[in-house]
Amino acid sequence: MTEHAGDTDPRLAQLRENLAAVRQRIAAAAAAAGRQDHPPRLIVVTKFHPAQDVRRLASLGISDVGENRDQEASDKAAQLHDAQLRWHFIGQLQSNKAKSVVKYAHSVHSVDRPQLATALARAMAAEQERAGRAPLECFIQVSLDEDADRHRGGALPAEVPALAEQLAGAEGLRLAGVMAVAPLKADPAAAFERLAAISAGLAAQYPDATGISAGMSQDLEAAIRCGATHLRIGSDILGPRPALR
């Protein structure tokens, strides 16, 4: 599929328009934050949308896509093996899915416990021996929720140093930085400021771990102001989730 197909493919035209609007928002926010020369990387979250939409996005210049369910991500990666995409796993991940995820993922943004880090390291050792792939980028997901059950996933801020030490010392893994989702019904700017402070502490000890994965459709401007290096944008580009059949 080529970009010229937009004249006969209404969905491609829609995605092009939506993508342009989001890119304009990102550019404006980066300019306001004095980050014109260092804008964040856009990851388009394609969960629940068909592989054909991902191929359309690739034709529009998108190279980074995010998924939060292993089976869906694995299937799409197989269908789009020729599209030269970087796959980012962004959802809560069960340790028993590590062997599958390392076969296609460029990065995992949701490492939140030692057991998962151990599983990913073991899976990467086997995968590197089998296929010689590059190290897996790992972001520590930090819980910024005040409630104790951490239902949206994430390590507590106090747990970050030990988890970082484990990831940094694991063969086949690369500590990339931190990730968080702004708490519901809370000021995202305040949450992202907390994340930025945690990131600064991490980068002081691990100078290469400067990544901050933060910001979605509704709060990308606040995330950019607070130093986000990776944005995870879904609905503003792809629209509502398609009805499940």
C-alpha atoms as a PDB file:
ATOM      1  CA  MET A   1       0.000   0.000   0.000  1.00  0.00           C
ATOM      2  CA  THR A   2       1.358   3.412  -0.955  1.00  0.00           C
ATOM      3  CA  GLU A   3       0.436   6.836   0.321  1.00  0.00           C
ATOM      4  CA  HIS A   4      -1.160   7.592  -3.042  1.00  0.00           C
ATOM      5  CA  ALA A   5      -3.738   4.941  -2.240  1.00  0.00           C
ATOM      6  CA  GLY A   6      -5.381   7.423   0.117  1.00  0.00           C
ATOM      7  CA  ASP A   7      -7.505   8.686  -2.755  1.00  0.00           C
ATOM      8  CA  THR A   8      -9.237   5.294  -2.897  1.00  0.00           C
ATOM      9  CA  ASP A   9      -8.766   4.195   0.718  1.00  0.00           C
ATOM     10  CA  PRO A  10     -10.869   6.319   3.084  1.00  0.00           C
ATOM     11  CA  ARG A  11      -9.302   4.702   6.143  1.00  0.00           C
ATOM     12  CA  LEU A  12      -5.798   5.682   5.023  1.00  0.00           C
ATOM     13  CA  ALA A  13      -6.959   9.252   4.458  1.00  0.00           C
ATOM     14  CA  GLN A  14      -8.508   9.324   7.923  1.00  0.00           C
ATOM     15  CA  LEU A  15      -5.342   8.010   9.555  1.00  0.00           C
ATOM     16  CA  ARG A  16      -3.246  10.542   7.647  1.00  0.00           C
ATOM     17  CA  GLU A  17      -5.435  13.388   8.892  1.00  0.00           C
ATOM     18  CA  ASN A  18      -5.454  12.158  12.487  1.00  0.00           C
ATOM     19  CA  LEU A  19      -1.710  11.553  12.471  1.00  0.00           C
ATOM     20  CA  ALA A  20      -1.039  15.036  11.139  1.00  0.00           C
ATOM     21  CA  ALA A  21      -3.144  16.574  13.922  1.00  0.00           C
ATOM     22  CA  VAL A  22      -1.294  14.619  16.624  1.00  0.00           C
ATOM     23  CA  ARG A  23       2.081  15.452  15.146  1.00  0.00           C
ATOM     24  CA  GLN A  24       1.086  19.131  15.161  1.00  0.00           C
ATOM     25  CA  ARG A  25       0.162  18.886  18.847  1.00  0.00           C
ATOM     26  CA  ILE A  26       3.482  17.231  19.622  1.00  0.00           C
ATOM     27  CA  ALA A  27       5.430  19.853  17.678  1.00  0.00           C
ATOM     28  CA  ALA A  28       3.614  22.701  19.409  1.00  0.00           C
ATOM     29  CA  ALA A  29       4.141  21.190  22.865  1.00  0.00           C
ATOM     30  CA  ALA A  30       7.807  20.494  22.148  1.00  0.00           C
ATOM     31  CA  ALA A  31       8.296  24.075  20.956  1.00  0.00           C
ATOM     32  CA  ALA A  32       6.588  25.447  24.075  1.00  0.00           C
ATOM     33  CA  ALA A  33       8.913  23.320  26.213  1.00  0.00           C
ATOM     34  CA  GLY A  34      12.006  24.401  24.277  1.00  0.00           C
ATOM     35  CA  ARG A  35      12.462  20.886  22.919  1.00  0.00           C
ATOM     36  CA  GLN A  36      12.212  21.516  19.189  1.00  0.00           C
ATOM     37  CA  ASP A  37      15.518  19.735  18.618  1.00  0.00           C
ATOM     38  CA  HIS A  38      14.664  16.794  20.879  1.00  0.00           C
ATOM     39  CA  PRO A  39      10.996  15.896  20.391  1.00  0.00           C
ATOM     40  CA  PRO A  40       9.672  12.675  21.928  1.00  0.00           C
ATOM     41  CA  ARG A  41       9.302   9.480  19.946  1.00  0.00           C
ATOM     42  CA  LEU A  42       5.736   8.720  18.905  1.00  0.00           C
ATOM     43  CA  ILE A  43       4.526   5.189  19.589  1.00  0.00           C
ATOM     44  CA  VAL A  44       1.122   4.526  18.042  1.00  0.00           C
ATOM     45  CA  VAL A  45      -0.868   2.162  20.232  1.00  0.00           C
ATOM     46  CA  THR A  46      -2.646  -0.191  17.845  1.00  0.00           C
ATOM     47  CA  LYS A  47      -4.332  -2.604  20.264  1.00  0.00           C
ATOM     48  CA  PHE A  48      -7.664  -3.999  19.043  1.00  0.00           C
ATOM     49  CA  HIS A  49      -7.129  -2.482  15.590  1.00  0.00           C
ATOM     50  CA  PRO A  50      -6.400  -4.754  12.605  1.00  0.00           C
ATOM     51  CA  ALA A  51      -2.980  -5.423  11.152  1.00  0.00           C
ATOM     52  CA  GLN A  52      -4.045  -3.631   7.982  1.00  0.00           C
ATOM     53  CA  ASP A  53      -4.298  -0.387   9.966  1.00  0.00           C
ATOM     54  CA  VAL A  54      -0.737  -0.912  11.194  1.00  0.00           C
ATOM     55  CA  ARG A  55       0.397  -1.385   7.616  1.00  0.00           C
ATOM     56  CA  ARG A  56      -1.376   1.847   6.674  1.00  0.00           C
ATOM     57  CA  LEU A  57       0.454   3.637   9.495  1.00  0.00           C
ATOM     58  CA  ALA A  58       3.768   2.236   8.277  1.00  0.00           C
ATOM     59  CA  SER A  59       3.044   3.704   4.839  1.00  0.00           C
ATOM     60  CA  LEU A  60       2.580   7.083   6.574  1.00  0.00           C
ATOM     61  CA  GLY A  61       6.012   6.927   8.171  1.00  0.00           C
ATOM     62  CA  ILE A  62       5.225   5.335  11.535  1.00  0.00           C
ATOM     63  CA  SER A  63       7.961   2.988  12.725  1.00  0.00           C
ATOM     64  CA  ASP A  64       6.986   2.432  16.378  1.00  0.00           C
ATOM     65  CA  VAL A  65       3.798   0.667  17.435  1.00  0.00           C
ATOM     66  CA  GLY A  66       2.564  -0.410  20.849  1.00  0.00           C
ATOM     67  CA  GLU A  67       0.519  -3.401  21.940  1.00  0.00           C
ATOM     68  CA  ASN A  68      -0.620  -4.604  25.348  1.00  0.00           C
ATOM     69  CA  ARG A  69      -1.673  -8.203  24.717  1.00  0.00           C
ATOM     70  CA  ASP A  70       0.903 -10.792  23.712  1.00  0.00           C
ATOM     71  CA  GLN A  71      -1.262 -12.926  21.466  1.00  0.00           C
ATOM     72  CA  GLU A  72      -2.468  -9.940  19.463  1.00  0.00           C
ATOM     73  CA  ALA A  73       1.008  -8.437  19.256  1.00  0.00           C
ATOM     74  CA  SER A  74       2.606 -11.718  18.237  1.00  0.00           C
ATOM     75  CA  ASP A  75       0.044 -12.281  15.486  1.00  0.00           C
ATOM     76  CA  LYS A  76       0.432  -8.761  14.099  1.00  0.00           C
ATOM     77  CA  ALA A  77       4.221  -8.890  14.205  1.00  0.00           C
ATOM     78  CA  ALA A  78       4.136 -12.111  12.194  1.00  0.00           C
ATOM     79  CA  GLN A  79       1.750 -10.641   9.618  1.00  0.00           C
ATOM     80  CA  LEU A  80       3.856  -7.468   9.303  1.00  0.00           C
ATOM     81  CA  HIS A  81       7.337  -8.968   9.455  1.00  0.00           C
ATOM     82  CA  ASP A  82       8.266  -7.091   6.280  1.00  0.00           C
ATOM     83  CA  ALA A  83       7.199  -3.651   7.536  1.00  0.00           C
ATOM     84  CA  GLN A  84      10.365  -2.801   9.512  1.00  0.00           C
ATOM     85  CA  LEU A  85       8.453  -1.825  12.629  1.00  0.00           C
ATOM     86  CA  ARG A  86       9.616  -1.554  16.230  1.00  0.00           C
ATOM     87  CA  TRP A  87       7.134  -3.308  18.516  1.00  0.00           C
ATOM     88  CA  HIS A  88       6.709  -1.924  22.034  1.00  0.00           C
ATOM     89  CA  PHE A  89       4.944  -4.069  24.623  1.00  0.00           C
ATOM     90  CA  ILE A  90       3.166  -1.624  26.928  1.00  0.00           C
ATOM     91  CA  GLY A  91       0.676  -3.702  28.939  1.00  0.00           C
ATOM     92  CA  GLN A  92       0.897  -5.700  32.127  1.00  0.00           C
ATOM     93  CA  LEU A  93       2.886  -8.817  31.295  1.00  0.00           C
ATOM     94  CA  GLN A  94       2.725 -12.251  32.849  1.00  0.00           C
ATOM     95  CA  SER A  95       6.105 -13.862  33.388  1.00  0.00           C
ATOM     96  CA  ASN A  96       5.073 -16.944  31.386  1.00  0.00           C
ATOM     97  CA  LYS A  97       4.662 -14.748  28.292  1.00  0.00           C
ATOM     98  CA  ALA A  98       8.303 -13.618  28.317  1.00  0.00           C
ATOM     99  CA  LYS A  99       9.453 -16.298  25.848  1.00  0.00           C
ATOM    100  CA  SER A 100       6.871 -15.121  23.330  1.00  0.00           C
ATOM    101  CA  VAL A 101       7.390 -11.384  23.801  1.00  0.00           C
ATOM    102  CA  VAL A 102      11.161 -11.447  23.246  1.00  0.00           C
ATOM    103  CA  LYS A 103      10.634 -12.954  19.794  1.00  0.00           C
ATOM    104  CA  TYR A 104       9.173  -9.732  18.413  1.00  0.00           C
ATOM    105  CA  ALA A 105       9.431  -6.871  20.930  1.00  0.00           C
ATOM    106  CA  HIS A 106      11.970  -4.079  20.631  1.00  0.00           C
ATOM    107  CA  SER A 107      11.097  -2.964  24.158  1.00  0.00           C
ATOM    108  CA  VAL A 108       8.918  -3.750  27.151  1.00  0.00           C
ATOM    109  CA  HIS A 109       7.557  -0.666  28.919  1.00  0.00           C
ATOM    110  CA  SER A 110       5.920  -2.489  31.824  1.00  0.00           C
ATOM    111  CA  VAL A 111       8.623  -4.220  33.855  1.00  0.00           C
ATOM    112  CA  ASP A 112       7.310  -3.844  37.397  1.00  0.00           C
ATOM    113  CA  ARG A 113       8.602  -6.751  39.493  1.00  0.00           C
ATOM    114  CA  PRO A 114      11.725  -8.882  39.942  1.00  0.00           C
ATOM    115  CA  GLN A 115      10.041 -12.085  38.740  1.00  0.00           C
ATOM    116  CA  LEU A 116       9.263 -10.528  35.371  1.00  0.00           C
ATOM    117  CA  ALA A 117      12.799  -9.172  34.998  1.00  0.00           C
ATOM    118  CA  THR A 118      14.159 -12.657  35.711  1.00  0.00           C
ATOM    119  CA  ALA A 119      11.819 -14.246  33.170  1.00  0.00           C
ATOM    120  CA  LEU A 120      12.754 -11.725  30.487  1.00  0.00           C
ATOM    121  CA  ALA A 121      16.471 -12.246  31.113  1.00  0.00           C
ATOM    122  CA  ARG A 122      16.116 -16.015  30.779  1.00  0.00           C
ATOM    123  CA  ALA A 123      14.003 -15.702  27.651  1.00  0.00           C
ATOM    124  CA  MET A 124      16.470 -13.252  26.098  1.00  0.00           C
ATOM    125  CA  ALA A 125      19.419 -15.567  26.781  1.00  0.00           C
ATOM    126  CA  ALA A 126      17.689 -18.300  24.803  1.00  0.00           C
ATOM    127  CA  GLU A 127      16.507 -15.942  22.061  1.00  0.00           C
ATOM    128  CA  GLN A 128      19.926 -14.356  21.590  1.00  0.00           C
ATOM    129  CA  GLU A 129      21.471 -17.805  21.300  1.00  0.00           C
ATOM    130  CA  ARG A 130      18.805 -18.781  18.769  1.00  0.00           C
ATOM    131  CA  ALA A 131      18.548 -15.617  16.693  1.00  0.00           C
ATOM    132  CA  GLY A 132      21.296 -13.242  17.866  1.00  0.00           C
ATOM    133  CA  ARG A 133      18.876 -10.405  18.417  1.00  0.00           C
ATOM    134  CA  ALA A 134      19.764  -7.028  19.957  1.00  0.00           C
ATOM    135  CA  PRO A 135      19.219  -6.460  23.697  1.00  0.00           C
ATOM    136  CA  LEU A 136      15.652  -5.890  24.857  1.00  0.00           C
ATOM    137  CA  GLU A 137      14.989  -2.357  26.050  1.00  0.00           C
ATOM    138  CA  CYS A 138      13.251  -2.390  29.439  1.00  0.00           C
ATOM    139  CA  PHE A 139      11.369   0.461  31.071  1.00  0.00           C
ATOM    140  CA  ILE A 140      10.463   0.192  34.743  1.00  0.00           C
ATOM    141  CA  GLN A 141       6.763   0.873  35.116  1.00  0.00           C
ATOM    142  CA  VAL A 142       6.234   3.067  38.169  1.00  0.00           C
ATOM    143  CA  SER A 143       2.921   3.231  40.009  1.00  0.00           C
ATOM    144  CA  LEU A 144       1.937   6.840  40.667  1.00  0.00           C
ATOM    145  CA  ASP A 145      -1.419   5.860  42.163  1.00  0.00           C
ATOM    146  CA  GLU A 146      -1.973   6.639  45.798  1.00  0.00           C
ATOM    147  CA  ASP A 147      -4.033   3.490  46.361  1.00  0.00           C
ATOM    148  CA  ALA A 148      -2.238   0.446  47.669  1.00  0.00           C
ATOM    149  CA  ASP A 149      -3.552  -2.189  45.262  1.00  0.00           C
ATOM    150  CA  ARG A 150      -1.742  -0.809  42.193  1.00  0.00           C
ATOM    151  CA  HIS A 151      -4.485  -2.179  39.963  1.00  0.00           C
ATOM    152  CA  ARG A 152      -2.972  -0.525  36.900  1.00  0.00           C
ATOM    153  CA  GLY A 153       0.423  -2.119  37.490  1.00  0.00           C
ATOM    154  CA  GLY A 154       3.736  -0.597  38.370  1.00  0.00           C
ATOM    155  CA  ALA A 155       6.461  -0.778  40.980  1.00  0.00           C
ATOM    156  CA  LEU A 156       6.326   1.569  43.921  1.00  0.00           C
ATOM    157  CA  PRO A 157       8.876   4.400  43.676  1.00  0.00           C
ATOM    158  CA  ALA A 158      10.821   2.854  46.571  1.00  0.00           C
ATOM    159  CA  GLU A 159      11.137  -0.396  44.597  1.00  0.00           C
ATOM    160  CA  VAL A 160      12.711   1.233  41.539  1.00  0.00           C
ATOM    161  CA  PRO A 161      16.403   1.159  42.634  1.00  0.00           C
ATOM    162  CA  ALA A 162      16.493  -2.592  43.257  1.00  0.00           C
ATOM    163  CA  LEU A 163      14.634  -3.354  40.038  1.00  0.00           C
ATOM    164  CA  ALA A 164      16.963  -1.056  38.105  1.00  0.00           C
ATOM    165  CA  GLU A 165      19.999  -2.836  39.532  1.00  0.00           C
ATOM    166  CA  GLN A 166      18.559  -6.178  38.459  1.00  0.00           C
ATOM    167  CA  LEU A 167      17.799  -5.025  34.918  1.00  0.00           C
ATOM    168  CA  ALA A 168      21.119  -3.237  34.476  1.00  0.00           C
ATOM    169  CA  GLY A 169      22.995  -6.359  35.481  1.00  0.00           C
ATOM    170  CA  ALA A 170      21.053  -8.776  33.300  1.00  0.00           C
ATOM    171  CA  GLU A 171      22.657 -10.069  30.124  1.00  0.00           C
ATOM    172  CA  GLY A 172      20.464  -9.356  27.114  1.00  0.00           C
ATOM    173  CA  LEU A 173      18.451  -6.583  28.770  1.00  0.00           C
ATOM    174  CA  ARG A 174      19.053  -2.844  28.551  1.00  0.00           C
ATOM    175  CA  LEU A 175      17.694  -0.545  31.236  1.00  0.00           C
ATOM    176  CA  ALA A 176      16.033   2.181  29.160  1.00  0.00           C
ATOM    177  CA  GLY A 177      14.280   4.293  31.794  1.00  0.00           C
ATOM    178  CA  VAL A 178      10.881   4.587  33.435  1.00  0.00           C
ATOM    179  CA  MET A 179       7.249   4.468  32.378  1.00  0.00           C
ATOM    180  CA  ALA A 180       4.019   5.533  34.044  1.00  0.00           C
ATOM    181  CA  VAL A 181       0.338   6.115  33.418  1.00  0.00           C
ATOM    182  CA  ALA A 182      -1.116   9.240  34.999  1.00  0.00           C
ATOM    183  CA  PRO A 183      -3.541   8.276  37.794  1.00  0.00           C
ATOM    184  CA  LEU A 184      -7.246   8.574  37.036  1.00  0.00           C
ATOM    185  CA  LYS A 185      -8.926  11.799  38.173  1.00  0.00           C
ATOM    186  CA  ALA A 186      -5.593  13.385  39.057  1.00  0.00           C
ATOM    187  CA  ASP A 187      -3.511  16.207  37.633  1.00  0.00           C
ATOM    188  CA  PRO A 188      -1.292  14.532  35.028  1.00  0.00           C
ATOM    189  CA  ALA A 189       1.310  17.307  35.249  1.00  0.00           C
ATOM    190  CA  ALA A 190       1.859  16.635  38.953  1.00  0.00           C
ATOM    191  CA  ALA A 191       2.152  12.904  38.290  1.00  0.00           C
ATOM    192  CA  PHE A 192       4.614  13.382  35.454  1.00  0.00           C
ATOM    193  CA  GLU A 193       6.693  15.748  37.577  1.00  0.00           C
ATOM    194  CA  ARG A 194       7.021  12.940  40.115  1.00  0.00           C
ATOM    195  CA  LEU A 195       8.032  10.574  37.343  1.00  0.00           C
ATOM    196  CA  ALA A 196      10.625  13.054  36.075  1.00  0.00           C
ATOM    197  CA  ALA A 197      12.161  13.237  39.546  1.00  0.00           C
ATOM    198  CA  ILE A 198      12.332   9.436  39.720  1.00  0.00           C
ATOM    199  CA  SER A 199      13.895   9.407  36.258  1.00  0.00           C
ATOM    200  CA  ALA A 200      16.538  11.938  37.298  1.00  0.00           C
ATOM    201  CA  GLY A 201      17.506   9.789  40.260  1.00  0.00           C
ATOM    202  CA  LEU A 202      17.744   6.715  38.045  1.00  0.00           C
ATOM    203  CA  ALA A 203      19.807   8.476  35.369  1.00  0.00           C
ATOM    204  CA  ALA A 204      22.232   9.765  38.002  1.00  0.00           C
ATOM    205  CA  GLN A 205      23.219   6.160  38.670  1.00  0.00           C
ATOM    206  CA  TYR A 206      22.625   4.752  35.173  1.00  0.00           C
ATOM    207  CA  PRO A 207      23.489   7.518  32.650  1.00  0.00           C
ATOM    208  CA  ASP A 208      22.031   5.628  29.681  1.00  0.00           C
ATOM    209  CA  ALA A 209      18.649   5.088  31.351  1.00  0.00           C
ATOM    210  CA  THR A 210      17.182   8.461  30.426  1.00  0.00           C
ATOM    211  CA  GLY A 211      13.968   7.287  28.775  1.00  0.00           C
ATOM    212  CA  ILE A 212      10.626   8.509  30.102  1.00  0.00           C
ATOM    213  CA  SER A 213       7.640   6.732  28.581  1.00  0.00           C
ATOM    214  CA  ALA A 214       4.677   8.915  29.489  1.00  0.00           C
ATOM    215  CA  GLY A 215       1.769  10.672  27.857  1.00  0.00           C
ATOM    216  CA  MET A 216      -1.278   9.461  25.990  1.00  0.00           C
ATOM    217  CA  SER A 217      -3.905  11.136  23.834  1.00  0.00           C
ATOM    218  CA  GLN A 218      -5.425  13.133  26.677  1.00  0.00           C
ATOM    219  CA  ASP A 219      -2.242  14.307  28.421  1.00  0.00           C
ATOM    220  CA  LEU A 220       0.614  14.378  25.921  1.00  0.00           C
ATOM    221  CA  GLU A 221       1.262  18.108  26.397  1.00  0.00           C
ATOM    222  CA  ALA A 222       1.807  17.695  30.139  1.00  0.00           C
ATOM    223  CA  ALA A 223       4.081  14.727  29.503  1.00  0.00           C
ATOM    224  CA  ILE A 224       6.219  16.655  27.034  1.00  0.00           C
ATOM    225  CA  ARG A 225       6.577  19.561  29.474  1.00  0.00           C
ATOM    226  CA  CYS A 226       7.863  17.088  32.053  1.00  0.00           C
ATOM    227  CA  GLY A 227      10.461  15.535  29.747  1.00  0.00           C
ATOM    228  CA  ALA A 228       8.740  12.525  28.168  1.00  0.00           C
ATOM    229  CA  THR A 229      10.936  10.858  25.566  1.00  0.00           C
ATOM    230  CA  HIS A 230       8.293   8.365  24.385  1.00  0.00           C
ATOM    231  CA  LEU A 231       4.575   9.046  23.888  1.00  0.00           C
ATOM    232  CA  ARG A 232       1.970   6.273  23.656  1.00  0.00           C
ATOM    233  CA  ILE A 233      -0.899   7.582  21.519  1.00  0.00           C
ATOM    234  CA  GLY A 234      -3.814   5.446  20.407  1.00  0.00           C
ATOM    235  CA  SER A 235      -7.362   6.785  20.125  1.00  0.00           C
ATOM    236  CA  ASP A 236      -6.495  10.220  18.726  1.00  0.00           C
ATOM    237  CA  ILE A 237      -4.851   8.523  15.749  1.00  0.00           C
ATOM    238  CA  LEU A 238      -6.794   5.296  15.263  1.00  0.00           C
ATOM    239  CA  GLY A 239     -10.149   6.394  16.657  1.00  0.00           C
ATOM    240  CA  PRO A 240     -12.433   4.330  18.898  1.00  0.00           C
ATOM    241  CA  ARG A 241     -11.724   0.661  19.350  1.00  0.00           C
ATOM    242  CA  PRO A 242     -13.533  -1.448  16.753  1.00  0.00           C
ATOM    243  CA  ALA A 243     -16.448  -3.473  18.029  1.00  0.00           C
ATOM    244  CA  LEU A 244     -15.414  -6.931  19.164  1.00  0.00           C
ATOM    245  CA  ARG A 245     -17.006  -9.746  17.219  1.00  0.00           C
END
